[in-house]
Amino acid sequence: MCAERMQRILTALMLGIILYFFATGSAELQAGAATSFNFQVAVVLQFFVIIMMLVWAFTNFCPSTWMMKKSFPPCKWEKEHKNEQ
């Protein structure tokens, strides 16, 4: 498994966890709760993901990919693309 691929998998898992918190939090709010800890967690996590994506978009530097490259090798996209042709 390579670093960039692992980062994308973790981003997808993070978005799934955020979706779970949004769903459970909105159910609590619809049930009549004044506040929902799950909804607050979802908003904070979503805000974090948005900030990280904006950093990546504007600087072409992804902190999570940088951290992943310390544990996993970088992807060799060119080599895989040549094998497909």
N, C-alpha and C. Protein backbone atom coordinates (compact mmCIF):
# COMPACT_ATOMS: atom_id res chain seq x y z
N MET A 1 0.86 -1.17 0.00
CA MET A 1 0.00 0.00 0.00
C MET A 1 0.91 1.23 0.00
N CYS A 2 0.58 2.19 -0.83
CA CYS A 2 1.41 3.40 -0.93
C CYS A 2 0.76 4.57 -0.18
N ALA A 3 1.55 5.60 0.05
CA ALA A 3 1.14 6.71 0.93
C ALA A 3 -0.07 7.47 0.40
N GLU A 4 -0.06 7.83 -0.88
CA GLU A 4 -1.16 8.63 -1.42
C GLU A 4 -2.48 7.85 -1.41
N ARG A 5 -2.39 6.57 -1.74
CA ARG A 5 -3.59 5.73 -1.73
C ARG A 5 -4.12 5.57 -0.30
N MET A 6 -3.21 5.38 0.65
CA MET A 6 -3.60 5.24 2.04
C MET A 6 -4.26 6.52 2.56
N GLN A 7 -3.75 7.68 2.13
CA GLN A 7 -4.33 8.96 2.53
C GLN A 7 -5.75 9.10 2.00
N ARG A 8 -5.98 8.67 0.78
CA ARG A 8 -7.34 8.74 0.21
C ARG A 8 -8.29 7.80 0.91
N ILE A 9 -7.82 6.63 1.28
CA ILE A 9 -8.66 5.68 2.02
C ILE A 9 -9.03 6.25 3.38
N LEU A 10 -8.04 6.84 4.07
CA LEU A 10 -8.32 7.43 5.38
C LEU A 10 -9.25 8.63 5.29
N THR A 11 -9.15 9.42 4.21
CA THR A 11 -10.07 10.53 4.01
C THR A 11 -11.49 10.01 3.82
N ALA A 12 -11.64 8.96 3.05
CA ALA A 12 -12.97 8.37 2.84
C ALA A 12 -13.53 7.83 4.16
N LEU A 13 -12.70 7.18 4.96
CA LEU A 13 -13.16 6.67 6.25
C LEU A 13 -13.55 7.82 7.17
N MET A 14 -12.76 8.89 7.15
CA MET A 14 -13.07 10.06 7.98
C MET A 14 -14.41 10.66 7.58
N LEU A 15 -14.67 10.78 6.29
CA LEU A 15 -15.96 11.31 5.83
C LEU A 15 -17.11 10.39 6.23
N GLY A 16 -16.88 9.09 6.23
CA GLY A 16 -17.91 8.15 6.68
C GLY A 16 -18.21 8.31 8.16
N ILE A 17 -17.16 8.49 8.97
CA ILE A 17 -17.35 8.71 10.40
C ILE A 17 -18.10 10.01 10.64
N ILE A 18 -17.75 11.06 9.90
CA ILE A 18 -18.44 12.34 10.03
C ILE A 18 -19.92 12.19 9.66
N LEU A 19 -20.20 11.45 8.61
CA LEU A 19 -21.59 11.21 8.21
C LEU A 19 -22.36 10.50 9.32
N TYR A 20 -21.73 9.54 9.98
CA TYR A 20 -22.36 8.85 11.10
C TYR A 20 -22.70 9.83 12.22
N PHE A 21 -21.74 10.68 12.59
CA PHE A 21 -21.99 11.66 13.65
C PHE A 21 -23.09 12.65 13.26
N PHE A 22 -23.11 13.07 11.99
CA PHE A 22 -24.19 13.95 11.54
C PHE A 22 -25.54 13.25 11.66
N ALA A 23 -25.62 12.00 11.25
CA ALA A 23 -26.88 11.26 11.28
C ALA A 23 -27.38 11.06 12.70
N THR A 24 -26.50 10.62 13.59
CA THR A 24 -26.94 10.39 14.97
C THR A 24 -27.24 11.71 15.67
N GLY A 25 -26.46 12.74 15.37
CA GLY A 25 -26.71 14.04 15.98
C GLY A 25 -28.01 14.66 15.52
N SER A 26 -28.31 14.56 14.23
CA SER A 26 -29.57 15.13 13.74
C SER A 26 -30.76 14.34 14.27
N ALA A 27 -30.60 13.04 14.47
CA ALA A 27 -31.70 12.25 15.05
C ALA A 27 -31.96 12.69 16.48
N GLU A 28 -30.89 12.98 17.22
CA GLU A 28 -31.07 13.46 18.60
C GLU A 28 -31.78 14.82 18.61
N LEU A 29 -31.39 15.69 17.70
CA LEU A 29 -32.03 17.01 17.64
C LEU A 29 -33.49 16.92 17.22
N GLN A 30 -33.79 16.01 16.30
CA GLN A 30 -35.19 15.84 15.88
C GLN A 30 -36.03 15.21 16.97
N ALA A 31 -35.38 14.46 17.86
CA ALA A 31 -36.11 13.84 18.96
C ALA A 31 -36.41 14.84 20.07
N GLY A 32 -35.89 16.06 19.93
CA GLY A 32 -36.22 17.09 20.90
C GLY A 32 -35.09 17.50 21.81
N ALA A 33 -33.89 16.98 21.62
CA ALA A 33 -32.77 17.38 22.46
C ALA A 33 -32.39 18.83 22.16
N ALA A 34 -32.00 19.55 23.20
CA ALA A 34 -31.62 20.95 23.02
C ALA A 34 -30.29 21.06 22.28
N THR A 35 -29.34 20.20 22.61
CA THR A 35 -28.04 20.16 21.94
C THR A 35 -27.66 18.71 21.69
N SER A 36 -26.72 18.53 20.78
CA SER A 36 -26.27 17.17 20.47
C SER A 36 -24.76 17.17 20.37
N PHE A 37 -24.13 16.41 21.23
CA PHE A 37 -22.67 16.29 21.20
C PHE A 37 -22.21 15.68 19.88
N ASN A 38 -22.94 14.68 19.38
CA ASN A 38 -22.57 14.04 18.12
C ASN A 38 -22.60 15.03 16.96
N PHE A 39 -23.59 15.89 16.94
CA PHE A 39 -23.68 16.89 15.87
C PHE A 39 -22.53 17.90 15.96
N GLN A 40 -22.18 18.29 17.18
CA GLN A 40 -21.07 19.21 17.37
C GLN A 40 -19.75 18.59 16.92
N VAL A 41 -19.56 17.31 17.25
CA VAL A 41 -18.34 16.59 16.82
C VAL A 41 -18.29 16.54 15.30
N ALA A 42 -19.42 16.26 14.67
CA ALA A 42 -19.47 16.18 13.21
C ALA A 42 -19.10 17.52 12.57
N VAL A 43 -19.60 18.61 13.11
CA VAL A 43 -19.30 19.93 12.56
C VAL A 43 -17.81 20.24 12.70
N VAL A 44 -17.24 19.95 13.85
CA VAL A 44 -15.82 20.22 14.07
C VAL A 44 -14.96 19.37 13.14
N LEU A 45 -15.26 18.08 13.03
CA LEU A 45 -14.49 17.20 12.14
C LEU A 45 -14.62 17.61 10.68
N GLN A 46 -15.83 17.98 10.27
CA GLN A 46 -16.04 18.41 8.89
C GLN A 46 -15.26 19.70 8.61
N PHE A 47 -15.26 20.62 9.56
CA PHE A 47 -14.50 21.85 9.42
C PHE A 47 -13.01 21.54 9.27
N PHE A 48 -12.51 20.60 10.05
CA PHE A 48 -11.10 20.18 9.97
C PHE A 48 -10.78 19.62 8.59
N VAL A 49 -11.63 18.75 8.06
CA VAL A 49 -11.40 18.17 6.73
C VAL A 49 -11.42 19.26 5.66
N ILE A 50 -12.34 20.19 5.76
CA ILE A 50 -12.42 21.28 4.79
C ILE A 50 -11.15 22.13 4.82
N ILE A 51 -10.67 22.47 6.00
CA ILE A 51 -9.44 23.25 6.12
C ILE A 51 -8.26 22.49 5.52
N MET A 52 -8.16 21.20 5.80
CA MET A 52 -7.06 20.41 5.25
C MET A 52 -7.12 20.34 3.72
N MET A 53 -8.31 20.21 3.17
CA MET A 53 -8.46 20.19 1.71
C MET A 53 -8.10 21.54 1.10
N LEU A 54 -8.47 22.63 1.76
CA LEU A 54 -8.10 23.95 1.26
C LEU A 54 -6.60 24.18 1.32
N VAL A 55 -5.96 23.73 2.38
CA VAL A 55 -4.50 23.82 2.46
C VAL A 55 -3.88 23.07 1.30
N TRP A 56 -4.38 21.87 1.04
CA TRP A 56 -3.86 21.05 -0.06
C TRP A 56 -4.10 21.74 -1.41
N ALA A 57 -5.26 22.35 -1.58
CA ALA A 57 -5.61 22.98 -2.86
C ALA A 57 -4.76 24.21 -3.14
N PHE A 58 -4.54 25.03 -2.12
CA PHE A 58 -3.84 26.29 -2.34
C PHE A 58 -2.32 26.18 -2.29
N THR A 59 -1.80 25.19 -1.57
CA THR A 59 -0.35 25.09 -1.41
C THR A 59 0.25 23.85 -2.07
N ASN A 60 -0.59 22.95 -2.54
CA ASN A 60 -0.15 21.67 -3.08
C ASN A 60 0.67 20.88 -2.06
N PHE A 61 0.38 21.10 -0.79
CA PHE A 61 1.00 20.37 0.31
C PHE A 61 -0.10 19.77 1.15
N CYS A 62 -0.09 18.46 1.27
CA CYS A 62 -1.09 17.77 2.08
C CYS A 62 -0.41 17.22 3.33
N PRO A 63 -0.73 17.78 4.50
CA PRO A 63 -0.07 17.31 5.72
C PRO A 63 -0.27 15.82 6.00
N SER A 64 -1.45 15.29 5.68
CA SER A 64 -1.66 13.87 5.95
C SER A 64 -0.85 12.98 5.00
N THR A 65 -0.67 13.40 3.75
CA THR A 65 0.18 12.65 2.84
C THR A 65 1.63 12.72 3.30
N TRP A 66 2.04 13.88 3.76
CA TRP A 66 3.40 14.05 4.28
C TRP A 66 3.64 13.09 5.44
N MET A 67 2.65 12.96 6.34
CA MET A 67 2.78 12.04 7.47
C MET A 67 2.76 10.59 7.01
N MET A 68 1.90 10.28 6.02
CA MET A 68 1.82 8.91 5.51
C MET A 68 3.12 8.46 4.86
N LYS A 69 3.82 9.39 4.22
CA LYS A 69 5.07 9.03 3.55
C LYS A 69 6.17 8.65 4.54
N LYS A 70 5.98 8.96 5.81
CA LYS A 70 6.93 8.55 6.83
C LYS A 70 6.76 7.06 7.16
N SER A 71 5.57 6.50 6.90
CA SER A 71 5.29 5.10 7.22
C SER A 71 5.14 4.21 5.99
N PHE A 72 4.71 4.80 4.87
CA PHE A 72 4.46 4.04 3.65
C PHE A 72 5.27 4.62 2.50
N PRO A 73 5.63 3.79 1.53
CA PRO A 73 6.38 4.32 0.38
C PRO A 73 5.47 5.16 -0.51
N PRO A 74 6.05 6.11 -1.26
CA PRO A 74 5.22 6.89 -2.19
C PRO A 74 4.73 6.01 -3.34
N CYS A 75 3.62 6.39 -3.93
CA CYS A 75 3.06 5.64 -5.05
C CYS A 75 3.91 5.85 -6.30
N LYS A 76 3.97 4.83 -7.11
CA LYS A 76 4.66 4.92 -8.40
C LYS A 76 3.61 4.87 -9.50
N TRP A 77 2.93 6.02 -9.70
CA TRP A 77 1.81 6.08 -10.63
C TRP A 77 2.26 5.84 -12.06
N GLU A 78 3.41 6.36 -12.47
CA GLU A 78 3.86 6.20 -13.84
C GLU A 78 4.08 4.73 -14.19
N LYS A 79 4.65 3.98 -13.26
CA LYS A 79 4.91 2.56 -13.49
C LYS A 79 3.62 1.78 -13.66
N GLU A 80 2.61 2.08 -12.82
CA GLU A 80 1.32 1.40 -12.92
C GLU A 80 0.63 1.77 -14.22
N HIS A 81 0.75 3.03 -14.66
CA HIS A 81 0.08 3.48 -15.88
C HIS A 81 0.70 2.80 -17.10
N LYS A 82 1.99 2.58 -17.14
CA LYS A 82 2.65 1.90 -18.26
C LYS A 82 2.21 0.45 -18.38
N ASN A 83 1.95 -0.21 -17.21
CA ASN A 83 1.52 -1.60 -17.24
C ASN A 83 0.11 -1.76 -17.80
N GLU A 84 -0.73 -0.71 -17.69
CA GLU A 84 -2.09 -0.78 -18.20
C GLU A 84 -2.15 -0.70 -19.72
N GLN A 85 -1.17 -0.07 -20.33
CA GLN A 85 -1.22 0.14 -21.79
C GLN A 85 -0.71 -1.03 -22.55
